Amino acid sequence: MGAVFSVESQPDPPDAILVDGNDRTWMEHTDAFYPGWAEDVTSYAASDKPHKPMARGLHSDMDEQLADAFSKIVLKKFNNKEYKPVIDQFGPGILVVGLESPWLDEETLRVINQKWAVLGNPDLSSVFQWIYFGYRSDGRNQAKLWIGN
């Protein structure tokens, strides 16, 4: 994309109307969590409730579970009829999906693409022009364009 957008407004939905010079688009942000990870992370940081750690023990199919969470949240956002006015005004927008898992790696992204293929590679272009993975790497927030769509 190459543009540097700033937030013009936050109508909710979507999360933001973005502007770069004369160009405007809209953006929605959501997260896909490995089951149990969200509660662990948020309760650890909360001062008003006790920490509820993720279950100890053996975890299996971690990438598949995150791929399932990703697919469900993307399809839920795609089917959200509340975006229609903003799509009518600005066209398809940007979706950023934060991937949250203690086991996130390149294999996870491969499994997400496999899961999407199993679903028939649904075309989301009528709602989202771009979809990005958001994630943390080396202590920094990163974004990567998802080419699975």
Protein backbone atom coordinates (compact mmCIF):
# COMPACT_ATOMS: atom_id res chain seq x y z
CA MET A 1 0.00 0.00 0.00
CA GLY A 2 2.79 2.45 0.86
CA ALA A 3 0.52 5.15 2.34
CA VAL A 4 0.88 6.75 5.75
CA PHE A 5 -2.60 7.14 7.14
CA SER A 6 -3.75 9.11 10.14
CA VAL A 7 -7.00 8.62 12.01
CA GLU A 8 -9.62 11.12 10.93
CA SER A 9 -12.48 9.78 13.06
CA GLN A 10 -13.60 6.74 15.03
CA PRO A 11 -17.29 6.14 14.27
CA ASP A 12 -17.44 2.52 15.56
CA PRO A 13 -18.14 0.74 13.34
CA PRO A 14 -15.65 0.84 11.83
CA ASP A 15 -12.84 1.42 14.31
CA ALA A 16 -11.38 4.26 12.23
CA ILE A 17 -11.71 6.38 9.13
CA LEU A 18 -8.17 6.87 7.83
CA VAL A 19 -6.86 9.68 5.67
CA ASP A 20 -3.66 10.19 3.67
CA GLY A 21 -3.85 13.45 1.75
CA ASN A 22 -6.98 13.13 -0.38
CA ASP A 23 -7.23 9.35 0.07
CA ARG A 24 -9.65 7.98 2.63
CA THR A 25 -10.43 4.46 3.68
CA TRP A 26 -11.69 2.69 6.76
CA MET A 27 -10.18 0.16 9.11
CA GLU A 28 -11.46 -2.44 11.54
CA HIS A 29 -9.26 -4.20 14.09
CA THR A 30 -9.95 -7.46 15.87
CA ASP A 31 -7.99 -10.25 17.53
CA ALA A 32 -7.84 -14.00 17.06
CA PHE A 33 -6.71 -15.70 20.27
CA TYR A 34 -5.49 -19.18 20.99
CA PRO A 35 -8.17 -20.55 23.38
CA GLY A 36 -7.45 -19.53 26.98
CA TRP A 37 -4.65 -17.12 26.04
CA ALA A 38 -6.80 -13.97 26.05
CA GLU A 39 -8.03 -14.54 29.58
CA ASP A 40 -4.47 -15.32 30.76
CA VAL A 41 -3.03 -12.13 29.23
CA THR A 42 -5.83 -9.77 30.24
CA SER A 43 -6.25 -11.09 33.78
CA TYR A 44 -2.47 -10.88 34.34
CA ALA A 45 -2.54 -7.18 33.44
CA ALA A 46 -5.75 -6.38 35.34
CA SER A 47 -5.60 -4.85 38.78
CA ASP A 48 -9.26 -5.54 39.55
CA LYS A 49 -9.32 -9.33 39.14
CA PRO A 50 -7.08 -12.28 39.92
CA HIS A 51 -4.80 -13.74 37.27
CA LYS A 52 -6.35 -16.73 35.54
CA PRO A 53 -3.50 -18.54 33.80
CA MET A 54 -4.00 -20.69 30.76
CA ALA A 55 -4.39 -24.37 31.52
CA ARG A 56 -1.14 -26.15 32.28
CA GLY A 57 -0.16 -29.37 30.67
CA LEU A 58 0.01 -30.67 27.17
CA HIS A 59 -1.44 -28.50 24.41
CA SER A 60 -2.04 -29.95 20.97
CA ASP A 61 -3.03 -28.61 17.56
CA MET A 62 -2.14 -25.07 18.62
CA ASP A 63 -1.80 -23.75 15.06
CA GLU A 64 -5.06 -25.37 13.99
CA GLN A 65 -6.92 -23.85 16.92
CA LEU A 66 -5.61 -20.36 16.13
CA ALA A 67 -6.39 -20.87 12.41
CA ASP A 68 -9.95 -21.80 13.38
CA ALA A 69 -10.27 -18.70 15.59
CA PHE A 70 -8.85 -16.53 12.79
CA SER A 71 -11.23 -17.92 10.17
CA LYS A 72 -14.27 -17.49 12.40
CA ILE A 73 -13.49 -13.88 13.32
CA VAL A 74 -12.68 -12.88 9.72
CA LEU A 75 -15.94 -14.37 8.44
CA LYS A 76 -17.85 -12.71 11.28
CA LYS A 77 -16.37 -9.33 10.35
CA PHE A 78 -17.03 -9.97 6.64
CA ASN A 79 -20.71 -10.69 7.37
CA ASN A 80 -21.19 -7.63 9.58
CA LYS A 81 -23.93 -5.62 7.84
CA GLU A 82 -23.08 -2.52 9.90
CA TYR A 83 -20.17 -1.81 7.51
CA LYS A 84 -22.51 -1.20 4.54
CA PRO A 85 -22.75 2.62 4.92
CA VAL A 86 -18.99 3.00 5.17
CA ILE A 87 -18.41 0.62 2.23
CA ASP A 88 -20.91 2.66 0.21
CA GLN A 89 -19.00 5.83 1.06
CA PHE A 90 -15.34 4.68 0.93
CA GLY A 91 -15.35 1.26 -0.74
CA PRO A 92 -13.79 -1.88 0.76
CA GLY A 93 -11.56 -1.20 3.76
CA ILE A 94 -8.75 -2.67 5.81
CA LEU A 95 -9.03 -5.42 8.40
CA VAL A 96 -6.20 -5.96 10.87
CA VAL A 97 -6.40 -9.25 12.77
CA GLY A 98 -4.11 -9.48 15.77
CA LEU A 99 -2.84 -13.04 16.12
CA GLU A 100 -2.43 -13.91 19.77
CA SER A 101 -0.76 -17.17 20.70
CA PRO A 102 2.35 -18.14 22.64
CA TRP A 103 3.21 -20.51 19.75
CA LEU A 104 2.85 -18.08 16.84
CA ASP A 105 5.35 -18.67 14.02
CA GLU A 106 5.53 -19.04 10.23
CA GLU A 107 3.98 -22.51 10.49
CA THR A 108 0.92 -20.91 12.10
CA LEU A 109 0.50 -18.65 9.06
CA ARG A 110 0.80 -21.65 6.75
CA VAL A 111 -1.91 -23.49 8.72
CA ILE A 112 -4.16 -20.40 8.56
CA ASN A 113 -3.83 -20.44 4.76
CA GLN A 114 -4.57 -24.18 4.68
CA LYS A 115 -7.67 -23.67 6.82
CA TRP A 116 -8.84 -20.88 4.51
CA ALA A 117 -8.36 -23.16 1.49
CA VAL A 118 -10.45 -25.86 3.18
CA LEU A 119 -13.21 -23.26 3.57
CA GLY A 120 -13.06 -22.69 -0.20
CA ASN A 121 -10.99 -19.49 -0.13
CA PRO A 122 -14.00 -17.21 0.43
CA ASP A 123 -13.70 -13.93 -1.51
CA LEU A 124 -13.79 -11.06 0.98
CA SER A 125 -12.95 -8.29 -1.49
CA SER A 126 -16.43 -6.75 -1.43
CA VAL A 127 -15.82 -5.72 2.20
CA PHE A 128 -12.03 -5.75 2.75
CA GLN A 129 -9.50 -4.55 0.20
CA TRP A 130 -6.62 -5.57 2.46
CA ILE A 131 -6.32 -7.90 5.43
CA TYR A 132 -3.27 -7.77 7.65
CA PHE A 133 -1.98 -10.09 10.33
CA GLY A 134 -0.93 -8.11 13.41
CA TYR A 135 1.55 -9.77 15.76
CA ARG A 136 4.46 -9.16 18.10
CA SER A 137 7.99 -10.09 17.12
CA ASP A 138 11.22 -9.20 18.92
CA GLY A 139 9.23 -6.99 21.29
CA ARG A 140 7.74 -4.90 18.48
CA ASN A 141 4.29 -4.77 16.91
CA GLN A 142 4.36 -5.97 13.31
CA ALA A 143 1.86 -6.16 10.46
CA LYS A 144 2.00 -8.47 7.47
CA LEU A 145 -0.33 -8.39 4.48
CA TRP A 146 -2.32 -11.62 4.32
CA ILE A 147 -2.07 -13.08 0.85
CA GLY A 148 -4.42 -15.96 1.63
CA ASN A 149 -7.41 -13.88 0.56
